[in-house]
Amino acid sequence: GRLVRKTLSFSKKLSNHIGAIWYFVHHYNASLRS
């Protein structure tokens, strides 16, 4: 069970990271357009 919990927390961190990158890219593109 320990490995599963580790994997879950890792994927959660990864999705948070991807979300932050997407958010940054989205706003960067928006600022380029205006």
PDB file of N, CA and C in Angstrom:
ATOM      1  N   GLY A   1       0.809  -1.210   0.000  1.00  0.00           N
ATOM      2  CA  GLY A   1       0.000   0.000   0.000  1.00  0.00           C
ATOM      3  C   GLY A   1       0.846   1.265   0.000  1.00  0.00           C
ATOM      4  N   ARG A   2       2.072   1.147   0.500  1.00  0.00           N
ATOM      5  CA  ARG A   2       2.917   2.340   0.587  1.00  0.00           C
ATOM      6  C   ARG A   2       3.286   2.854  -0.799  1.00  0.00           C
ATOM      7  N   LEU A   3       3.567   1.920  -1.709  1.00  0.00           N
ATOM      8  CA  LEU A   3       3.973   2.306  -3.064  1.00  0.00           C
ATOM      9  C   LEU A   3       2.829   3.017  -3.785  1.00  0.00           C
ATOM     10  N   VAL A   4       1.619   2.498  -3.592  1.00  0.00           N
ATOM     11  CA  VAL A   4       0.456   3.102  -4.242  1.00  0.00           C
ATOM     12  C   VAL A   4       0.270   4.537  -3.767  1.00  0.00           C
ATOM     13  N   ARG A   5       0.413   4.724  -2.442  1.00  0.00           N
ATOM     14  CA  ARG A   5       0.232   6.066  -1.892  1.00  0.00           C
ATOM     15  C   ARG A   5       1.301   7.004  -2.445  1.00  0.00           C
ATOM     16  N   LYS A   6       2.508   6.500  -2.575  1.00  0.00           N
ATOM     17  CA  LYS A   6       3.595   7.314  -3.122  1.00  0.00           C
ATOM     18  C   LYS A   6       3.280   7.722  -4.557  1.00  0.00           C
ATOM     19  N   THR A   7       2.784   6.765  -5.338  1.00  0.00           N
ATOM     20  CA  THR A   7       2.465   7.027  -6.738  1.00  0.00           C
ATOM     21  C   THR A   7       1.336   8.033  -6.859  1.00  0.00           C
ATOM     22  N   LEU A   8       0.335   7.901  -5.981  1.00  0.00           N
ATOM     23  CA  LEU A   8      -0.803   8.821  -6.023  1.00  0.00           C
ATOM     24  C   LEU A   8      -0.362  10.242  -5.718  1.00  0.00           C
ATOM     25  N   SER A   9       0.463  10.405  -4.688  1.00  0.00           N
ATOM     26  CA  SER A   9       0.913  11.750  -4.325  1.00  0.00           C
ATOM     27  C   SER A   9       1.807  12.313  -5.425  1.00  0.00           C
ATOM     28  N   PHE A  10       2.560  11.431  -6.090  1.00  0.00           N
ATOM     29  CA  PHE A  10       3.428  11.888  -7.171  1.00  0.00           C
ATOM     30  C   PHE A  10       2.601  12.378  -8.352  1.00  0.00           C
ATOM     31  N   SER A  11       1.570  11.604  -8.715  1.00  0.00           N
ATOM     32  CA  SER A  11       0.738  12.003  -9.855  1.00  0.00           C
ATOM     33  C   SER A  11      -0.037  13.266  -9.529  1.00  0.00           C
ATOM     34  N   LYS A  12      -0.368  13.436  -8.243  1.00  0.00           N
ATOM     35  CA  LYS A  12      -1.083  14.651  -7.845  1.00  0.00           C
ATOM     36  C   LYS A  12      -0.159  15.850  -7.997  1.00  0.00           C
ATOM     37  N   LYS A  13       1.093  15.683  -7.581  1.00  0.00           N
ATOM     38  CA  LYS A  13       2.080  16.760  -7.735  1.00  0.00           C
ATOM     39  C   LYS A  13       2.288  17.061  -9.210  1.00  0.00           C
ATOM     40  N   LEU A  14       2.343  16.005 -10.016  1.00  0.00           N
ATOM     41  CA  LEU A  14       2.599  16.165 -11.442  1.00  0.00           C
ATOM     42  C   LEU A  14       1.458  16.919 -12.110  1.00  0.00           C
ATOM     43  N   SER A  15       0.219  16.563 -11.763  1.00  0.00           N
ATOM     44  CA  SER A  15      -0.927  17.240 -12.376  1.00  0.00           C
ATOM     45  C   SER A  15      -0.994  18.694 -11.933  1.00  0.00           C
ATOM     46  N   ASN A  16      -0.589  18.960 -10.685  1.00  0.00           N
ATOM     47  CA  ASN A  16      -0.542  20.347 -10.210  1.00  0.00           C
ATOM     48  C   ASN A  16       0.489  21.123 -11.017  1.00  0.00           C
ATOM     49  N   HIS A  17       1.621  20.476 -11.293  1.00  0.00           N
ATOM     50  CA  HIS A  17       2.696  21.102 -12.041  1.00  0.00           C
ATOM     51  C   HIS A  17       2.245  21.390 -13.470  1.00  0.00           C
ATOM     52  N   ILE A  18       1.592  20.416 -14.083  1.00  0.00           N
ATOM     53  CA  ILE A  18       1.097  20.582 -15.450  1.00  0.00           C
ATOM     54  C   ILE A  18       0.055  21.694 -15.491  1.00  0.00           C
ATOM     55  N   GLY A  19      -0.784  21.743 -14.467  1.00  0.00           N
ATOM     56  CA  GLY A  19      -1.799  22.785 -14.398  1.00  0.00           C
ATOM     57  C   GLY A  19      -1.166  24.158 -14.316  1.00  0.00           C
ATOM     58  N   ALA A  20      -0.085  24.263 -13.539  1.00  0.00           N
ATOM     59  CA  ALA A  20       0.600  25.541 -13.388  1.00  0.00           C
ATOM     60  C   ALA A  20       1.237  25.959 -14.708  1.00  0.00           C
ATOM     61  N   ILE A  21       1.835  25.005 -15.401  1.00  0.00           N
ATOM     62  CA  ILE A  21       2.462  25.301 -16.693  1.00  0.00           C
ATOM     63  C   ILE A  21       1.406  25.731 -17.705  1.00  0.00           C
ATOM     64  N   TRP A  22       0.256  25.002 -17.738  1.00  0.00           N
ATOM     65  CA  TRP A  22      -0.815  25.328 -18.679  1.00  0.00           C
ATOM     66  C   TRP A  22      -1.348  26.725 -18.390  1.00  0.00           C
ATOM     67  N   TYR A  23      -1.500  27.015 -17.097  1.00  0.00           N
ATOM     68  CA  TYR A  23      -2.005  28.319 -16.674  1.00  0.00           C
ATOM     69  C   TYR A  23      -1.062  29.420 -17.148  1.00  0.00           C
ATOM     70  N   PHE A  24       0.235  29.197 -16.973  1.00  0.00           N
ATOM     71  CA  PHE A  24       1.231  30.182 -17.370  1.00  0.00           C
ATOM     72  C   PHE A  24       1.224  30.390 -18.883  1.00  0.00           C
ATOM     73  N   VAL A  25       1.193  29.285 -19.629  1.00  0.00           N
ATOM     74  CA  VAL A  25       1.196  29.361 -21.089  1.00  0.00           C
ATOM     75  C   VAL A  25      -0.054  30.068 -21.588  1.00  0.00           C
ATOM     76  N   HIS A  26      -1.191  29.741 -20.974  1.00  0.00           N
ATOM     77  CA  HIS A  26      -2.455  30.344 -21.379  1.00  0.00           C
ATOM     78  C   HIS A  26      -2.410  31.860 -21.204  1.00  0.00           C
ATOM     79  N   HIS A  27      -1.914  32.307 -20.066  1.00  0.00           N
ATOM     80  CA  HIS A  27      -1.847  33.739 -19.799  1.00  0.00           C
ATOM     81  C   HIS A  27      -0.785  34.417 -20.659  1.00  0.00           C
ATOM     82  N   TYR A  28       0.282  33.688 -20.940  1.00  0.00           N
ATOM     83  CA  TYR A  28       1.332  34.242 -21.790  1.00  0.00           C
ATOM     84  C   TYR A  28       0.789  34.476 -23.199  1.00  0.00           C
ATOM     85  N   ASN A  29       0.041  33.494 -23.711  1.00  0.00           N
ATOM     86  CA  ASN A  29      -0.559  33.631 -25.038  1.00  0.00           C
ATOM     87  C   ASN A  29      -1.572  34.763 -25.057  1.00  0.00           C
ATOM     88  N   ALA A  30      -2.323  34.910 -23.991  1.00  0.00           N
ATOM     89  CA  ALA A  30      -3.335  35.964 -23.915  1.00  0.00           C
ATOM     90  C   ALA A  30      -2.663  37.335 -23.932  1.00  0.00           C
ATOM     91  N   SER A  31      -1.527  37.444 -23.246  1.00  0.00           N
ATOM     92  CA  SER A  31      -0.835  38.731 -23.200  1.00  0.00           C
ATOM     93  C   SER A  31      -0.187  39.031 -24.552  1.00  0.00           C
ATOM     94  N   LEU A  32       0.177  37.992 -25.281  1.00  0.00           N
ATOM     95  CA  LEU A  32       0.748  38.205 -26.611  1.00  0.00           C
ATOM     96  C   LEU A  32      -0.316  38.717 -27.570  1.00  0.00           C
ATOM     97  N   ARG A  33      -1.535  38.189 -27.435  1.00  0.00           N
ATOM     98  CA  ARG A  33      -2.612  38.539 -28.346  1.00  0.00           C
ATOM     99  C   ARG A  33      -3.050  39.987 -28.184  1.00  0.00           C
ATOM    100  N   SER A  34      -3.088  40.464 -26.963  1.00  0.00           N
ATOM    101  CA  SER A  34      -3.617  41.818 -26.732  1.00  0.00           C
ATOM    102  C   SER A  34      -2.643  42.897 -27.192  1.00  0.00           C
TER     103      SER A  34
END
